[in-house]
Each structure stands twice: as structure tokens, then as C-alpha cells.
Amino acid sequence: MNELQVYLFVALILFCLGLTGVLQRRSLIAMLISVELMLNAASLNFMAFNRFLTPEPAVGQIVTLFIIGTAAAEAAIGLSIILAVFRRYQSIDIERARELKG
């Protein structure tokens, strides 16, 4: 197994753990952490492909920085939504959030 395959396998495991967390968890905080895991897996893929396949050294790093910035914005917005749900229902259970209407 070459080094690229090792990186891709680790990223696959991270992504699968994140996807499992999003699909099976009922807590909004756990779901947010799972989405962060999936974004980190995508970042690891971009960095692995950047290191082993592309002659341009900065392309994967720029995309990874963009993903990190997007993840930070997603975490801030997600936590504010979770805080609003908690203030309304006194719980962060996803079943209570289904009652929200636009």
C-alpha cells in the first residue's frame, strides 16, 4: 500500500465516522461535531492529492484553507441555531427541533 492510499483510507474512515454520527445521533452538538469530521476528511483528501499528484504546491493548501474557513463559519452559525433551539425548547434533542416552522 503506497502512502497516498494510506491517507485516503484514513480520510475514508473519518468521513464514515462523521456520516454515521450525523445519521445516528439525536443531539445537535454531536451532529455538528460529525459534520466537522466529514469536512476534515475532505481537507485530508485535498492535502494528500496535493502532495502526491499535483505539481502546483499551493492548490490543495488553498482549498484546505477555504474548507477550514467554511467549517468555522458553519460552526458559528450552527452553534447559534443550537442555542436558539435550546432557549425555545430547553433541550437540544433533534426531535424537538422538527417542530420549528419557517
PDB file of N, CA and C in Angstrom:
ATOM      1  N   MET A   1       0.863  -1.174   0.000  1.00  0.00           N
ATOM      2  CA  MET A   1       0.000   0.000   0.000  1.00  0.00           C
ATOM      3  C   MET A   1       0.911   1.239   0.000  1.00  0.00           C
ATOM      4  N   ASN A   2       0.711   2.096  -0.985  1.00  0.00           N
ATOM      5  CA  ASN A   2       1.557   3.290  -1.010  1.00  0.00           C
ATOM      6  C   ASN A   2       1.003   4.365  -0.077  1.00  0.00           C
ATOM      7  N   GLU A   3       1.765   5.441   0.056  1.00  0.00           N
ATOM      8  CA  GLU A   3       1.405   6.460   1.050  1.00  0.00           C
ATOM      9  C   GLU A   3       0.090   7.165   0.734  1.00  0.00           C
ATOM     10  N   LEU A   4      -0.197   7.409  -0.535  1.00  0.00           N
ATOM     11  CA  LEU A   4      -1.452   8.065  -0.907  1.00  0.00           C
ATOM     12  C   LEU A   4      -2.643   7.234  -0.463  1.00  0.00           C
ATOM     13  N   GLN A   5      -2.559   5.946  -0.654  1.00  0.00           N
ATOM     14  CA  GLN A   5      -3.663   5.081  -0.248  1.00  0.00           C
ATOM     15  C   GLN A   5      -3.872   5.080   1.258  1.00  0.00           C
ATOM     16  N   VAL A   6      -2.812   5.221   2.013  1.00  0.00           N
ATOM     17  CA  VAL A   6      -2.939   5.290   3.470  1.00  0.00           C
ATOM     18  C   VAL A   6      -3.704   6.547   3.863  1.00  0.00           C
ATOM     19  N   TYR A   7      -3.323   7.689   3.263  1.00  0.00           N
ATOM     20  CA  TYR A   7      -4.028   8.940   3.551  1.00  0.00           C
ATOM     21  C   TYR A   7      -5.502   8.850   3.152  1.00  0.00           C
ATOM     22  N   LEU A   8      -5.761   8.293   1.996  1.00  0.00           N
ATOM     23  CA  LEU A   8      -7.150   8.173   1.533  1.00  0.00           C
ATOM     24  C   LEU A   8      -7.958   7.225   2.415  1.00  0.00           C
ATOM     25  N   PHE A   9      -7.320   6.173   2.904  1.00  0.00           N
ATOM     26  CA  PHE A   9      -8.014   5.248   3.798  1.00  0.00           C
ATOM     27  C   PHE A   9      -8.361   5.924   5.121  1.00  0.00           C
ATOM     28  N   VAL A  10      -7.434   6.699   5.677  1.00  0.00           N
ATOM     29  CA  VAL A  10      -7.709   7.424   6.919  1.00  0.00           C
ATOM     30  C   VAL A  10      -8.835   8.435   6.707  1.00  0.00           C
ATOM     31  N   ALA A  11      -8.812   9.133   5.551  1.00  0.00           N
ATOM     32  CA  ALA A  11      -9.869  10.089   5.245  1.00  0.00           C
ATOM     33  C   ALA A  11     -11.211   9.384   5.081  1.00  0.00           C
ATOM     34  N   LEU A  12     -11.209   8.201   4.490  1.00  0.00           N
ATOM     35  CA  LEU A  12     -12.439   7.428   4.342  1.00  0.00           C
ATOM     36  C   LEU A  12     -13.000   7.031   5.702  1.00  0.00           C
ATOM     37  N   ILE A  13     -12.137   6.602   6.609  1.00  0.00           N
ATOM     38  CA  ILE A  13     -12.580   6.233   7.953  1.00  0.00           C
ATOM     39  C   ILE A  13     -13.168   7.452   8.662  1.00  0.00           C
ATOM     40  N   LEU A  14     -12.488   8.603   8.571  1.00  0.00           N
ATOM     41  CA  LEU A  14     -13.004   9.832   9.194  1.00  0.00           C
ATOM     42  C   LEU A  14     -14.363  10.211   8.623  1.00  0.00           C
ATOM     43  N   PHE A  15     -14.482  10.133   7.299  1.00  0.00           N
ATOM     44  CA  PHE A  15     -15.744  10.509   6.667  1.00  0.00           C
ATOM     45  C   PHE A  15     -16.864   9.562   7.072  1.00  0.00           C
ATOM     46  N   CYS A  16     -16.578   8.267   7.122  1.00  0.00           N
ATOM     47  CA  CYS A  16     -17.600   7.291   7.518  1.00  0.00           C
ATOM     48  C   CYS A  16     -18.021   7.484   8.976  1.00  0.00           C
ATOM     49  N   LEU A  17     -17.062   7.799   9.846  1.00  0.00           N
ATOM     50  CA  LEU A  17     -17.410   8.078  11.242  1.00  0.00           C
ATOM     51  C   LEU A  17     -18.294   9.322  11.343  1.00  0.00           C
ATOM     52  N   GLY A  18     -17.970  10.343  10.567  1.00  0.00           N
ATOM     53  CA  GLY A  18     -18.786  11.555  10.570  1.00  0.00           C
ATOM     54  C   GLY A  18     -20.179  11.302  10.027  1.00  0.00           C
ATOM     55  N   LEU A  19     -20.275  10.552   8.946  1.00  0.00           N
ATOM     56  CA  LEU A  19     -21.581  10.249   8.358  1.00  0.00           C
ATOM     57  C   LEU A  19     -22.430   9.415   9.307  1.00  0.00           C
ATOM     58  N   THR A  20     -21.800   8.452   9.961  1.00  0.00           N
ATOM     59  CA  THR A  20     -22.516   7.645  10.947  1.00  0.00           C
ATOM     60  C   THR A  20     -23.016   8.514  12.098  1.00  0.00           C
ATOM     61  N   GLY A  21     -22.187   9.444  12.530  1.00  0.00           N
ATOM     62  CA  GLY A  21     -22.592  10.339  13.611  1.00  0.00           C
ATOM     63  C   GLY A  21     -23.757  11.222  13.227  1.00  0.00           C
ATOM     64  N   VAL A  22     -23.753  11.721  11.997  1.00  0.00           N
ATOM     65  CA  VAL A  22     -24.860  12.579  11.559  1.00  0.00           C
ATOM     66  C   VAL A  22     -26.157  11.784  11.460  1.00  0.00           C
ATOM     67  N   LEU A  23     -26.076  10.562  10.968  1.00  0.00           N
ATOM     68  CA  LEU A  23     -27.288   9.775  10.753  1.00  0.00           C
ATOM     69  C   LEU A  23     -27.850   9.150  12.030  1.00  0.00           C
ATOM     70  N   GLN A  24     -27.001   8.876  13.019  1.00  0.00           N
ATOM     71  CA  GLN A  24     -27.482   8.155  14.192  1.00  0.00           C
ATOM     72  C   GLN A  24     -27.640   8.999  15.445  1.00  0.00           C
ATOM     73  N   ARG A  25     -27.021  10.127  15.522  1.00  0.00           N
ATOM     74  CA  ARG A  25     -27.098  10.935  16.745  1.00  0.00           C
ATOM     75  C   ARG A  25     -28.382  11.736  16.781  1.00  0.00           C
ATOM     76  N   ARG A  26     -28.853  11.988  17.992  1.00  0.00           N
ATOM     77  CA  ARG A  26     -30.047  12.810  18.161  1.00  0.00           C
ATOM     78  C   ARG A  26     -29.707  14.178  18.722  1.00  0.00           C
ATOM     79  N   SER A  27     -28.493  14.336  19.217  1.00  0.00           N
ATOM     80  CA  SER A  27     -28.067  15.610  19.780  1.00  0.00           C
ATOM     81  C   SER A  27     -27.513  16.505  18.664  1.00  0.00           C
ATOM     82  N   LEU A  28     -27.925  17.749  18.680  1.00  0.00           N
ATOM     83  CA  LEU A  28     -27.460  18.675  17.649  1.00  0.00           C
ATOM     84  C   LEU A  28     -25.960  18.945  17.762  1.00  0.00           C
ATOM     85  N   ILE A  29     -25.417  18.962  18.964  1.00  0.00           N
ATOM     86  CA  ILE A  29     -23.985  19.179  19.148  1.00  0.00           C
ATOM     87  C   ILE A  29     -23.193  18.022  18.545  1.00  0.00           C
ATOM     88  N   ALA A  30     -23.628  16.795  18.786  1.00  0.00           N
ATOM     89  CA  ALA A  30     -22.948  15.628  18.225  1.00  0.00           C
ATOM     90  C   ALA A  30     -23.029  15.637  16.696  1.00  0.00           C
ATOM     91  N   MET A  31     -24.144  16.078  16.168  1.00  0.00           N
ATOM     92  CA  MET A  31     -24.273  16.166  14.713  1.00  0.00           C
ATOM     93  C   MET A  31     -23.329  17.222  14.139  1.00  0.00           C
ATOM     94  N   LEU A  32     -23.175  18.330  14.835  1.00  0.00           N
ATOM     95  CA  LEU A  32     -22.260  19.384  14.394  1.00  0.00           C
ATOM     96  C   LEU A  32     -20.818  18.882  14.409  1.00  0.00           C
ATOM     97  N   ILE A  33     -20.436  18.153  15.441  1.00  0.00           N
ATOM     98  CA  ILE A  33     -19.088  17.589  15.511  1.00  0.00           C
ATOM     99  C   ILE A  33     -18.878  16.573  14.393  1.00  0.00           C
ATOM    100  N   SER A  34     -19.897  15.811  14.057  1.00  0.00           N
ATOM    101  CA  SER A  34     -19.794  14.829  12.981  1.00  0.00           C
ATOM    102  C   SER A  34     -19.608  15.498  11.627  1.00  0.00           C
ATOM    103  N   VAL A  35     -20.282  16.605  11.411  1.00  0.00           N
ATOM    104  CA  VAL A  35     -20.095  17.352  10.160  1.00  0.00           C
ATOM    105  C   VAL A  35     -18.675  17.895  10.086  1.00  0.00           C
ATOM    106  N   GLU A  36     -18.136  18.338  11.213  1.00  0.00           N
ATOM    107  CA  GLU A  36     -16.749  18.813  11.247  1.00  0.00           C
ATOM    108  C   GLU A  36     -15.785  17.678  10.892  1.00  0.00           C
ATOM    109  N   LEU A  37     -16.063  16.470  11.358  1.00  0.00           N
ATOM    110  CA  LEU A  37     -15.233  15.318  10.990  1.00  0.00           C
ATOM    111  C   LEU A  37     -15.251  15.078   9.489  1.00  0.00           C
ATOM    112  N   MET A  38     -16.418  15.195   8.873  1.00  0.00           N
ATOM    113  CA  MET A  38     -16.519  14.992   7.430  1.00  0.00           C
ATOM    114  C   MET A  38     -15.748  16.073   6.672  1.00  0.00           C
ATOM    115  N   LEU A  39     -15.797  17.312   7.141  1.00  0.00           N
ATOM    116  CA  LEU A  39     -15.032  18.375   6.488  1.00  0.00           C
ATOM    117  C   LEU A  39     -13.529  18.160   6.651  1.00  0.00           C
ATOM    118  N   ASN A  40     -13.107  17.656   7.802  1.00  0.00           N
ATOM    119  CA  ASN A  40     -11.688  17.351   7.994  1.00  0.00           C
ATOM    120  C   ASN A  40     -11.237  16.217   7.082  1.00  0.00           C
ATOM    121  N   ALA A  41     -12.104  15.255   6.835  1.00  0.00           N
ATOM    122  CA  ALA A  41     -11.774  14.177   5.902  1.00  0.00           C
ATOM    123  C   ALA A  41     -11.582  14.730   4.490  1.00  0.00           C
ATOM    124  N   ALA A  42     -12.426  15.655   4.090  1.00  0.00           N
ATOM    125  CA  ALA A  42     -12.266  16.273   2.768  1.00  0.00           C
ATOM    126  C   ALA A  42     -10.961  17.063   2.693  1.00  0.00           C
ATOM    127  N   SER A  43     -10.622  17.761   3.755  1.00  0.00           N
ATOM    128  CA  SER A  43      -9.361  18.509   3.794  1.00  0.00           C
ATOM    129  C   SER A  43      -8.166  17.568   3.686  1.00  0.00           C
ATOM    130  N   LEU A  44      -8.231  16.447   4.381  1.00  0.00           N
ATOM    131  CA  LEU A  44      -7.148  15.470   4.301  1.00  0.00           C
ATOM    132  C   LEU A  44      -7.004  14.925   2.887  1.00  0.00           C
ATOM    133  N   ASN A  45      -8.114  14.686   2.203  1.00  0.00           N
ATOM    134  CA  ASN A  45      -8.052  14.244   0.805  1.00  0.00           C
ATOM    135  C   ASN A  45      -7.373  15.279  -0.077  1.00  0.00           C
ATOM    136  N   PHE A  46      -7.748  16.525   0.058  1.00  0.00           N
ATOM    137  CA  PHE A  46      -7.146  17.567  -0.769  1.00  0.00           C
ATOM    138  C   PHE A  46      -5.645  17.687  -0.506  1.00  0.00           C
ATOM    139  N   MET A  47      -5.242  17.604   0.757  1.00  0.00           N
ATOM    140  CA  MET A  47      -3.825  17.707   1.071  1.00  0.00           C
ATOM    141  C   MET A  47      -3.054  16.490   0.559  1.00  0.00           C
ATOM    142  N   ALA A  48      -3.651  15.303   0.626  1.00  0.00           N
ATOM    143  CA  ALA A  48      -2.981  14.101   0.117  1.00  0.00           C
ATOM    144  C   ALA A  48      -2.820  14.179  -1.398  1.00  0.00           C
ATOM    145  N   PHE A  49      -3.880  14.576  -2.094  1.00  0.00           N
ATOM    146  CA  PHE A  49      -3.769  14.709  -3.546  1.00  0.00           C
ATOM    147  C   PHE A  49      -2.790  15.808  -3.924  1.00  0.00           C
ATOM    148  N   ASN A  50      -2.750  16.872  -3.141  1.00  0.00           N
ATOM    149  CA  ASN A  50      -1.808  17.954  -3.393  1.00  0.00           C
ATOM    150  C   ASN A  50      -0.370  17.459  -3.251  1.00  0.00           C
ATOM    151  N   ARG A  51      -0.129  16.655  -2.245  1.00  0.00           N
ATOM    152  CA  ARG A  51       1.238  16.198  -2.000  1.00  0.00           C
ATOM    153  C   ARG A  51       1.705  15.190  -3.027  1.00  0.00           C
ATOM    154  N   PHE A  52       0.835  14.301  -3.467  1.00  0.00           N
ATOM    155  CA  PHE A  52       1.282  13.191  -4.291  1.00  0.00           C
ATOM    156  C   PHE A  52       0.971  13.333  -5.785  1.00  0.00           C
ATOM    157  N   LEU A  53       0.000  14.145  -6.178  1.00  0.00           N
ATOM    158  CA  LEU A  53      -0.407  14.134  -7.579  1.00  0.00           C
ATOM    159  C   LEU A  53      -0.229  15.451  -8.332  1.00  0.00           C
ATOM    160  N   THR A  54      -0.282  16.580  -7.671  1.00  0.00           N
ATOM    161  CA  THR A  54      -0.256  17.837  -8.408  1.00  0.00           C
ATOM    162  C   THR A  54       1.124  18.481  -8.366  1.00  0.00           C
ATOM    163  N   PRO A  55       1.537  19.072  -9.493  1.00  0.00           N
ATOM    164  CA  PRO A  55       2.821  19.772  -9.492  1.00  0.00           C
ATOM    165  C   PRO A  55       2.741  21.149  -8.824  1.00  0.00           C
ATOM    166  N   GLU A  56       1.542  21.707  -8.745  1.00  0.00           N
ATOM    167  CA  GLU A  56       1.359  23.008  -8.091  1.00  0.00           C
ATOM    168  C   GLU A  56       1.290  22.801  -6.581  1.00  0.00           C
ATOM    169  N   PRO A  57       2.205  23.358  -5.809  1.00  0.00           N
ATOM    170  CA  PRO A  57       2.233  23.052  -4.382  1.00  0.00           C
ATOM    171  C   PRO A  57       1.155  23.740  -3.556  1.00  0.00           C
ATOM    172  N   ALA A  58       0.541  24.795  -4.052  1.00  0.00           N
ATOM    173  CA  ALA A  58      -0.366  25.572  -3.207  1.00  0.00           C
ATOM    174  C   ALA A  58      -1.843  25.307  -3.463  1.00  0.00           C
ATOM    175  N   VAL A  59      -2.176  24.541  -4.475  1.00  0.00           N
ATOM    176  CA  VAL A  59      -3.589  24.363  -4.833  1.00  0.00           C
ATOM    177  C   VAL A  59      -4.362  23.653  -3.720  1.00  0.00           C
ATOM    178  N   GLY A  60      -3.881  22.527  -3.248  1.00  0.00           N
ATOM    179  CA  GLY A  60      -4.564  21.788  -2.191  1.00  0.00           C
ATOM    180  C   GLY A  60      -4.585  22.547  -0.881  1.00  0.00           C
ATOM    181  N   GLN A  61      -3.522  23.302  -0.615  1.00  0.00           N
ATOM    182  CA  GLN A  61      -3.467  24.083   0.619  1.00  0.00           C
ATOM    183  C   GLN A  61      -4.491  25.207   0.605  1.00  0.00           C
ATOM    184  N   ILE A  62      -4.675  25.841  -0.543  1.00  0.00           N
ATOM    185  CA  ILE A  62      -5.663  26.917  -0.644  1.00  0.00           C
ATOM    186  C   ILE A  62      -7.074  26.363  -0.468  1.00  0.00           C
ATOM    187  N   VAL A  63      -7.355  25.239  -1.091  1.00  0.00           N
ATOM    188  CA  VAL A  63      -8.676  24.624  -0.953  1.00  0.00           C
ATOM    189  C   VAL A  63      -8.905  24.196   0.504  1.00  0.00           C
ATOM    190  N   THR A  64      -7.867  23.666   1.147  1.00  0.00           N
ATOM    191  CA  THR A  64      -7.991  23.263   2.546  1.00  0.00           C
ATOM    192  C   THR A  64      -8.241  24.464   3.446  1.00  0.00           C
ATOM    193  N   LEU A  65      -7.569  25.570   3.200  1.00  0.00           N
ATOM    194  CA  LEU A  65      -7.830  26.785   3.975  1.00  0.00           C
ATOM    195  C   LEU A  65      -9.259  27.282   3.772  1.00  0.00           C
ATOM    196  N   PHE A  66      -9.763  27.171   2.554  1.00  0.00           N
ATOM    197  CA  PHE A  66     -11.149  27.532   2.281  1.00  0.00           C
ATOM    198  C   PHE A  66     -12.104  26.622   3.054  1.00  0.00           C
ATOM    199  N   ILE A  67     -11.814  25.330   3.114  1.00  0.00           N
ATOM    200  CA  ILE A  67     -12.649  24.391   3.863  1.00  0.00           C
ATOM    201  C   ILE A  67     -12.608  24.712   5.347  1.00  0.00           C
ATOM    202  N   ILE A  68     -11.438  25.057   5.867  1.00  0.00           N
ATOM    203  CA  ILE A  68     -11.328  25.401   7.286  1.00  0.00           C
ATOM    204  C   ILE A  68     -12.141  26.652   7.595  1.00  0.00           C
ATOM    205  N   GLY A  69     -12.078  27.643   6.710  1.00  0.00           N
ATOM    206  CA  GLY A  69     -12.882  28.856   6.905  1.00  0.00           C
ATOM    207  C   GLY A  69     -14.369  28.576   6.845  1.00  0.00           C
ATOM    208  N   THR A  70     -14.766  27.736   5.911  1.00  0.00           N
ATOM    209  CA  THR A  70     -16.173  27.346   5.802  1.00  0.00           C
ATOM    210  C   THR A  70     -16.619  26.575   7.046  1.00  0.00           C
ATOM    211  N   ALA A  71     -15.757  25.711   7.558  1.00  0.00           N
ATOM    212  CA  ALA A  71     -16.093  24.942   8.762  1.00  0.00           C
ATOM    213  C   ALA A  71     -16.243  25.859   9.974  1.00  0.00           C
ATOM    214  N   ALA A  72     -15.414  26.885  10.050  1.00  0.00           N
ATOM    215  CA  ALA A  72     -15.531  27.826  11.164  1.00  0.00           C
ATOM    216  C   ALA A  72     -16.842  28.605  11.082  1.00  0.00           C
ATOM    217  N   ALA A  73     -17.210  29.047   9.887  1.00  0.00           N
ATOM    218  CA  ALA A  73     -18.479  29.753   9.718  1.00  0.00           C
ATOM    219  C   ALA A  73     -19.656  28.826  10.006  1.00  0.00           C
ATOM    220  N   GLU A  74     -19.563  27.590   9.558  1.00  0.00           N
ATOM    221  CA  GLU A  74     -20.626  26.614   9.804  1.00  0.00           C
ATOM    222  C   GLU A  74     -20.769  26.334  11.292  1.00  0.00           C
ATOM    223  N   ALA A  75     -19.654  26.261  11.997  1.00  0.00           N
ATOM    224  CA  ALA A  75     -19.714  26.016  13.441  1.00  0.00           C
ATOM    225  C   ALA A  75     -20.346  27.200  14.169  1.00  0.00           C
ATOM    226  N   ALA A  76     -20.003  28.411  13.764  1.00  0.00           N
ATOM    227  CA  ALA A  76     -20.576  29.594  14.423  1.00  0.00           C
ATOM    228  C   ALA A  76     -22.079  29.679  14.186  1.00  0.00           C
ATOM    229  N   ILE A  77     -22.503  29.482  12.956  1.00  0.00           N
ATOM    230  CA  ILE A  77     -23.932  29.541  12.637  1.00  0.00           C
ATOM    231  C   ILE A  77     -24.666  28.367  13.283  1.00  0.00           C
ATOM    232  N   GLY A  78     -24.060  27.173  13.233  1.00  0.00           N
ATOM    233  CA  GLY A  78     -24.681  26.003  13.846  1.00  0.00           C
ATOM    234  C   GLY A  78     -24.849  26.148  15.345  1.00  0.00           C
ATOM    235  N   LEU A  79     -23.833  26.664  16.016  1.00  0.00           N
ATOM    236  CA  LEU A  79     -23.954  26.854  17.459  1.00  0.00           C
ATOM    237  C   LEU A  79     -24.986  27.909  17.815  1.00  0.00           C
ATOM    238  N   SER A  80     -25.117  28.952  16.983  1.00  0.00           N
ATOM    239  CA  SER A  80     -26.153  29.954  17.265  1.00  0.00           C
ATOM    240  C   SER A  80     -27.551  29.363  17.067  1.00  0.00           C
ATOM    241  N   ILE A  81     -27.722  28.508  16.081  1.00  0.00           N
ATOM    242  CA  ILE A  81     -29.014  27.843  15.884  1.00  0.00           C
ATOM    243  C   ILE A  81     -29.297  26.889  17.045  1.00  0.00           C
ATOM    244  N   ILE A  82     -28.283  26.157  17.483  1.00  0.00           N
ATOM    245  CA  ILE A  82     -28.454  25.250  18.618  1.00  0.00           C
ATOM    246  C   ILE A  82     -28.829  26.024  19.873  1.00  0.00           C
ATOM    247  N   LEU A  83     -28.209  27.166  20.074  1.00  0.00           N
ATOM    248  CA  LEU A  83     -28.531  27.998  21.233  1.00  0.00           C
ATOM    249  C   LEU A  83     -29.975  28.494  21.162  1.00  0.00           C
ATOM    250  N   ALA A  84     -30.428  28.881  19.964  1.00  0.00           N
ATOM    251  CA  ALA A  84     -31.819  29.326  19.808  1.00  0.00           C
ATOM    252  C   ALA A  84     -32.800  28.184  20.069  1.00  0.00           C
ATOM    253  N   VAL A  85     -32.472  26.979  19.594  1.00  0.00           N
ATOM    254  CA  VAL A  85     -33.334  25.821  19.845  1.00  0.00           C
ATOM    255  C   VAL A  85     -33.368  25.507  21.335  1.00  0.00           C
ATOM    256  N   PHE A  86     -32.221  25.592  22.010  1.00  0.00           N
ATOM    257  CA  PHE A  86     -32.188  25.313  23.443  1.00  0.00           C
ATOM    258  C   PHE A  86     -33.009  26.338  24.229  1.00  0.00           C
ATOM    259  N   ARG A  87     -32.917  27.602  23.846  1.00  0.00           N
ATOM    260  CA  ARG A  87     -33.696  28.628  24.550  1.00  0.00           C
ATOM    261  C   ARG A  87     -35.195  28.416  24.363  1.00  0.00           C
ATOM    262  N   ARG A  88     -35.583  27.920  23.213  1.00  0.00           N
ATOM    263  CA  ARG A  88     -37.004  27.733  22.918  1.00  0.00           C
ATOM    264  C   ARG A  88     -37.571  26.479  23.575  1.00  0.00           C
ATOM    265  N   TYR A  89     -36.828  25.356  23.495  1.00  0.00           N
ATOM    266  CA  TYR A  89     -37.367  24.061  23.929  1.00  0.00           C
ATOM    267  C   TYR A  89     -36.687  23.499  25.172  1.00  0.00           C
ATOM    268  N   GLN A  90     -35.683  24.155  25.717  1.00  0.00           N
ATOM    269  CA  GLN A  90     -34.927  23.686  26.876  1.00  0.00           C
ATOM    270  C   GLN A  90     -34.299  22.312  26.642  1.00  0.00           C
ATOM    271  N   SER A  91     -33.998  21.992  25.404  1.00  0.00           N
ATOM    272  CA  SER A  91     -33.366  20.731  25.039  1.00  0.00           C
ATOM    273  C   SER A  91     -32.728  20.905  23.664  1.00  0.00           C
ATOM    274  N   ILE A  92     -31.662  20.132  23.403  1.00  0.00           N
ATOM    275  CA  ILE A  92     -31.064  20.162  22.066  1.00  0.00           C
ATOM    276  C   ILE A  92     -31.329  18.857  21.329  1.00  0.00           C
ATOM    277  N   ASP A  93     -32.366  18.157  21.722  1.00  0.00           N
ATOM    278  CA  ASP A  93     -32.779  16.936  21.053  1.00  0.00           C
ATOM    279  C   ASP A  93     -33.340  17.287  19.673  1.00  0.00           C
ATOM    280  N   ILE A  94     -32.950  16.533  18.667  1.00  0.00           N
ATOM    281  CA  ILE A  94     -33.341  16.830  17.290  1.00  0.00           C
ATOM    282  C   ILE A  94     -34.841  16.655  17.072  1.00  0.00           C
ATOM    283  N   GLU A  95     -35.481  15.811  17.851  1.00  0.00           N
ATOM    284  CA  GLU A  95     -36.920  15.605  17.697  1.00  0.00           C
ATOM    285  C   GLU A  95     -37.702  16.870  18.033  1.00  0.00           C
ATOM    286  N   ARG A  96     -37.210  17.643  18.969  1.00  0.00           N
ATOM    287  CA  ARG A  96     -37.888  18.895  19.303  1.00  0.00           C
ATOM    288  C   ARG A  96     -37.675  19.946  18.228  1.00  0.00           C
ATOM    289  N   ALA A  97     -36.542  19.891  17.555  1.00  0.00           N
ATOM    290  CA  ALA A  97     -36.250  20.863  16.512  1.00  0.00           C
ATOM    291  C   ALA A  97     -37.122  20.646  15.280  1.00  0.00           C
ATOM    292  N   ARG A  98     -37.704  19.480  15.132  1.00  0.00           N
ATOM    293  CA  ARG A  98     -38.575  19.219  13.990  1.00  0.00           C
ATOM    294  C   ARG A  98     -39.855  20.036  14.065  1.00  0.00           C
ATOM    295  N   GLU A  99     -40.180  20.553  15.237  1.00  0.00           N
ATOM    296  CA  GLU A  99     -41.393  21.349  15.414  1.00  0.00           C
ATOM    297  C   GLU A  99     -41.225  22.777  14.925  1.00  0.00           C
ATOM    298  N   LEU A 100     -39.990  23.191  14.622  1.00  0.00           N
ATOM    299  CA  LEU A 100     -39.745  24.558  14.157  1.00  0.00           C
ATOM    300  C   LEU A 100     -40.359  24.757  12.783  1.00  0.00           C
ATOM    301  N   LYS A 101     -40.925  25.914  12.584  1.00  0.00           N
ATOM    302  CA  LYS A 101     -41.511  26.261  11.278  1.00  0.00           C
ATOM    303  C   LYS A 101     -40.947  27.592  10.843  1.00  0.00           C
ATOM    304  N   GLY A 102     -40.809  27.758   9.516  1.00  0.00           N
ATOM    305  CA  GLY A 102     -40.195  28.956   8.932  1.00  0.00           C
ATOM    306  C   GLY A 102     -40.891  30.176   9.307  1.00  0.00           C
TER     307      GLY A 102
END
